[in-house]
């Protein structure tokens, strides 16, 4: 994941259900690789690959205590991803509202599509995100 921005790396890492399961476990506290691997139906090298992706995304840190490797979740990347989603949520909701109004206008025999776009609610954001 070298060369990829941190937010993209976070979303890419979260895109896999196994990695999300690992993070759910680590949300309860640090755990050894053995404890993390136990409920997963895959080989130890496969678990290590998932841990590498999470570590490269900054979602976990691994430390070595003697012969034990412990993993701990880092919240900062998740906080940044959550902030990004929250920031864009209003834009998405507005676009869905405009789409819904347009579709309703297309289904209505008395209203044309051009009227639907002028009646759609706006939040004051005039940025075109197409």
C-alpha atoms as a PDB file:
ATOM      1  CA  UNK A   1       0.000   0.000   0.000  1.00  0.00           C
ATOM      2  CA  UNK A   2       2.992   2.248  -0.446  1.00  0.00           C
ATOM      3  CA  UNK A   3       2.124   5.468  -2.222  1.00  0.00           C
ATOM      4  CA  UNK A   4      -1.512   5.344  -1.197  1.00  0.00           C
ATOM      5  CA  UNK A   5      -2.944   8.119   0.946  1.00  0.00           C
ATOM      6  CA  UNK A   6      -3.849   7.208   4.552  1.00  0.00           C
ATOM      7  CA  UNK A   7      -7.617   7.562   4.113  1.00  0.00           C
ATOM      8  CA  UNK A   8      -7.622   5.287   1.070  1.00  0.00           C
ATOM      9  CA  UNK A   9      -5.457   2.771   2.922  1.00  0.00           C
ATOM     10  CA  UNK A  10      -7.944   2.788   5.808  1.00  0.00           C
ATOM     11  CA  UNK A  11     -10.948   2.183   3.559  1.00  0.00           C
ATOM     12  CA  UNK A  12      -9.064  -0.477   1.598  1.00  0.00           C
ATOM     13  CA  UNK A  13      -8.153  -2.297   4.808  1.00  0.00           C
ATOM     14  CA  UNK A  14     -11.742  -2.056   6.072  1.00  0.00           C
ATOM     15  CA  UNK A  15     -13.014  -3.487   2.788  1.00  0.00           C
ATOM     16  CA  UNK A  16     -12.300  -7.056   3.888  1.00  0.00           C
ATOM     17  CA  UNK A  17     -14.611  -8.829   6.376  1.00  0.00           C
ATOM     18  CA  UNK A  18     -11.738 -10.755   7.971  1.00  0.00           C
ATOM     19  CA  UNK A  19      -9.858  -7.552   8.712  1.00  0.00           C
ATOM     20  CA  UNK A  20     -13.007  -5.997  10.157  1.00  0.00           C
ATOM     21  CA  UNK A  21     -13.412  -9.089  12.360  1.00  0.00           C
ATOM     22  CA  UNK A  22      -9.824  -8.708  13.548  1.00  0.00           C
ATOM     23  CA  UNK A  23     -10.447  -5.048  14.395  1.00  0.00           C
ATOM     24  CA  UNK A  24     -13.625  -5.968  16.268  1.00  0.00           C
ATOM     25  CA  UNK A  25     -11.545  -8.330  18.396  1.00  0.00           C
ATOM     26  CA  UNK A  26      -8.840  -5.726  18.972  1.00  0.00           C
ATOM     27  CA  UNK A  27     -11.444  -3.130  19.966  1.00  0.00           C
ATOM     28  CA  UNK A  28     -11.815  -5.162  23.187  1.00  0.00           C
ATOM     29  CA  UNK A  29      -8.092  -4.819  23.882  1.00  0.00           C
ATOM     30  CA  UNK A  30      -4.656  -5.983  22.718  1.00  0.00           C
ATOM     31  CA  UNK A  31      -4.287  -9.615  21.697  1.00  0.00           C
ATOM     32  CA  UNK A  32      -1.579 -11.978  20.548  1.00  0.00           C
ATOM     33  CA  UNK A  33      -1.511 -13.207  16.984  1.00  0.00           C
ATOM     34  CA  UNK A  34      -2.514 -16.676  18.253  1.00  0.00           C
ATOM     35  CA  UNK A  35      -5.620 -15.299  19.953  1.00  0.00           C
ATOM     36  CA  UNK A  36      -6.534 -13.315  16.840  1.00  0.00           C
ATOM     37  CA  UNK A  37      -6.022 -16.339  14.558  1.00  0.00           C
ATOM     38  CA  UNK A  38      -7.969 -18.792  16.715  1.00  0.00           C
ATOM     39  CA  UNK A  39     -11.540 -18.035  15.481  1.00  0.00           C
ATOM     40  CA  UNK A  40     -10.469 -17.507  11.865  1.00  0.00           C
ATOM     41  CA  UNK A  41     -10.775 -20.382   9.429  1.00  0.00           C
ATOM     42  CA  UNK A  42      -7.482 -19.743   7.649  1.00  0.00           C
ATOM     43  CA  UNK A  43      -3.796 -20.483   7.842  1.00  0.00           C
ATOM     44  CA  UNK A  44      -1.454 -18.546  10.090  1.00  0.00           C
ATOM     45  CA  UNK A  45       0.338 -16.971   7.070  1.00  0.00           C
ATOM     46  CA  UNK A  46      -3.030 -15.741   5.768  1.00  0.00           C
ATOM     47  CA  UNK A  47      -3.768 -14.122   9.139  1.00  0.00           C
ATOM     48  CA  UNK A  48      -0.322 -12.522   9.052  1.00  0.00           C
ATOM     49  CA  UNK A  49      -1.088 -11.055   5.612  1.00  0.00           C
ATOM     50  CA  UNK A  50      -4.284  -9.493   6.977  1.00  0.00           C
ATOM     51  CA  UNK A  51      -2.358  -8.104   9.936  1.00  0.00           C
ATOM     52  CA  UNK A  52       0.227  -6.637   7.545  1.00  0.00           C
ATOM     53  CA  UNK A  53      -2.511  -4.801   5.627  1.00  0.00           C
ATOM     54  CA  UNK A  54      -3.981  -3.450   8.875  1.00  0.00           C
ATOM     55  CA  UNK A  55      -0.539  -2.390  10.084  1.00  0.00           C
ATOM     56  CA  UNK A  56       0.357  -0.654   6.793  1.00  0.00           C
ATOM     57  CA  UNK A  57      -2.953   1.240   7.000  1.00  0.00           C
ATOM     58  CA  UNK A  58      -2.017   2.351  10.510  1.00  0.00           C
ATOM     59  CA  UNK A  59      -5.025   0.600  12.040  1.00  0.00           C
ATOM     60  CA  UNK A  60      -2.927  -1.634  14.301  1.00  0.00           C
ATOM     61  CA  UNK A  61       0.504  -1.689  15.868  1.00  0.00           C
ATOM     62  CA  UNK A  62       2.407  -4.876  16.608  1.00  0.00           C
ATOM     63  CA  UNK A  63       4.857  -5.183  19.442  1.00  0.00           C
ATOM     64  CA  UNK A  64       7.094  -8.026  20.490  1.00  0.00           C
ATOM     65  CA  UNK A  65       7.275  -9.174  24.097  1.00  0.00           C
ATOM     66  CA  UNK A  66       9.702 -12.056  24.263  1.00  0.00           C
ATOM     67  CA  UNK A  67       8.426 -14.613  21.789  1.00  0.00           C
ATOM     68  CA  UNK A  68       4.905 -13.191  21.767  1.00  0.00           C
ATOM     69  CA  UNK A  69       3.708 -10.690  19.169  1.00  0.00           C
ATOM     70  CA  UNK A  70       0.885  -8.521  20.447  1.00  0.00           C
ATOM     71  CA  UNK A  71      -1.427  -6.461  18.264  1.00  0.00           C
ATOM     72  CA  UNK A  72      -3.217  -3.341  19.400  1.00  0.00           C
ATOM     73  CA  UNK A  73      -5.766  -1.259  17.532  1.00  0.00           C
ATOM     74  CA  UNK A  74      -5.103   2.409  16.753  1.00  0.00           C
ATOM     75  CA  UNK A  75      -8.177   4.620  16.635  1.00  0.00           C
ATOM     76  CA  UNK A  76      -6.786   7.631  14.749  1.00  0.00           C
ATOM     77  CA  UNK A  77      -7.297   6.250  11.215  1.00  0.00           C
ATOM     78  CA  UNK A  78     -10.855   5.233  12.071  1.00  0.00           C
ATOM     79  CA  UNK A  79     -11.530   8.683  13.507  1.00  0.00           C
ATOM     80  CA  UNK A  80     -10.293  10.296  10.285  1.00  0.00           C
ATOM     81  CA  UNK A  81     -12.450   7.959   8.170  1.00  0.00           C
ATOM     82  CA  UNK A  82     -15.490   8.675  10.330  1.00  0.00           C
ATOM     83  CA  UNK A  83     -14.924  12.439   9.999  1.00  0.00           C
ATOM     84  CA  UNK A  84     -14.659  12.123   6.216  1.00  0.00           C
ATOM     85  CA  UNK A  85     -17.918  10.146   6.027  1.00  0.00           C
ATOM     86  CA  UNK A  86     -19.704  12.631   8.312  1.00  0.00           C
ATOM     87  CA  UNK A  87     -18.493  15.570   6.213  1.00  0.00           C
ATOM     88  CA  UNK A  88     -19.791  14.034   2.996  1.00  0.00           C
ATOM     89  CA  UNK A  89     -22.999  12.564   4.405  1.00  0.00           C
ATOM     90  CA  UNK A  90     -24.936  15.822   3.933  1.00  0.00           C
ATOM     91  CA  UNK A  91     -23.894  16.017   0.307  1.00  0.00           C
ATOM     92  CA  UNK A  92     -25.006  12.437  -0.307  1.00  0.00           C
ATOM     93  CA  UNK A  93     -28.341  12.983   1.427  1.00  0.00           C
ATOM     94  CA  UNK A  94     -28.984  16.078  -0.688  1.00  0.00           C
ATOM     95  CA  UNK A  95     -28.173  14.195  -3.866  1.00  0.00           C
ATOM     96  CA  UNK A  96     -30.491  11.340  -2.883  1.00  0.00           C
ATOM     97  CA  UNK A  97     -33.271  13.842  -2.141  1.00  0.00           C
ATOM     98  CA  UNK A  98     -32.809  15.436  -5.578  1.00  0.00           C
ATOM     99  CA  UNK A  99     -32.812  12.004  -7.218  1.00  0.00           C
ATOM    100  CA  UNK A 100     -35.964  11.013  -5.351  1.00  0.00           C
ATOM    101  CA  UNK A 101     -37.714  14.243  -6.393  1.00  0.00           C
ATOM    102  CA  UNK A 102     -36.691  13.700 -10.008  1.00  0.00           C
ATOM    103  CA  UNK A 103     -37.919  10.093 -10.002  1.00  0.00           C
ATOM    104  CA  UNK A 104     -41.226  11.115  -8.429  1.00  0.00           C
ATOM    105  CA  UNK A 105     -41.618  13.808 -11.087  1.00  0.00           C
ATOM    106  CA  UNK A 106     -40.951  11.307 -13.856  1.00  0.00           C
ATOM    107  CA  UNK A 107     -43.643   9.001 -12.435  1.00  0.00           C
ATOM    108  CA  UNK A 108     -46.181  11.830 -12.040  1.00  0.00           C
ATOM    109  CA  UNK A 109     -48.226  12.579 -15.197  1.00  0.00           C
ATOM    110  CA  UNK A 110     -48.676  16.267 -14.238  1.00  0.00           C
ATOM    111  CA  UNK A 111     -45.110  17.237 -13.326  1.00  0.00           C
ATOM    112  CA  UNK A 112     -42.169  17.368 -15.714  1.00  0.00           C
ATOM    113  CA  UNK A 113     -38.577  16.466 -14.802  1.00  0.00           C
ATOM    114  CA  UNK A 114     -37.455  20.109 -15.053  1.00  0.00           C
ATOM    115  CA  UNK A 115     -39.846  21.078 -12.232  1.00  0.00           C
ATOM    116  CA  UNK A 116     -38.507  18.337  -9.972  1.00  0.00           C
ATOM    117  CA  UNK A 117     -34.971  19.671 -10.067  1.00  0.00           C
ATOM    118  CA  UNK A 118     -36.065  23.164  -9.046  1.00  0.00           C
ATOM    119  CA  UNK A 119     -38.220  21.864  -6.193  1.00  0.00           C
ATOM    120  CA  UNK A 120     -35.505  19.660  -4.646  1.00  0.00           C
ATOM    121  CA  UNK A 121     -34.233  20.768  -1.226  1.00  0.00           C
ATOM    122  CA  UNK A 122     -30.772  22.265  -1.038  1.00  0.00           C
ATOM    123  CA  UNK A 123     -28.341  22.755   1.810  1.00  0.00           C
ATOM    124  CA  UNK A 124     -26.712  25.833   0.328  1.00  0.00           C
ATOM    125  CA  UNK A 125     -23.746  23.875  -0.997  1.00  0.00           C
ATOM    126  CA  UNK A 126     -23.458  24.707  -4.694  1.00  0.00           C
ATOM    127  CA  UNK A 127     -20.442  22.510  -5.360  1.00  0.00           C
ATOM    128  CA  UNK A 128     -21.003  20.137  -8.276  1.00  0.00           C
ATOM    129  CA  UNK A 129     -19.632  16.693  -7.267  1.00  0.00           C
ATOM    130  CA  UNK A 130     -20.373  14.863 -10.498  1.00  0.00           C
END
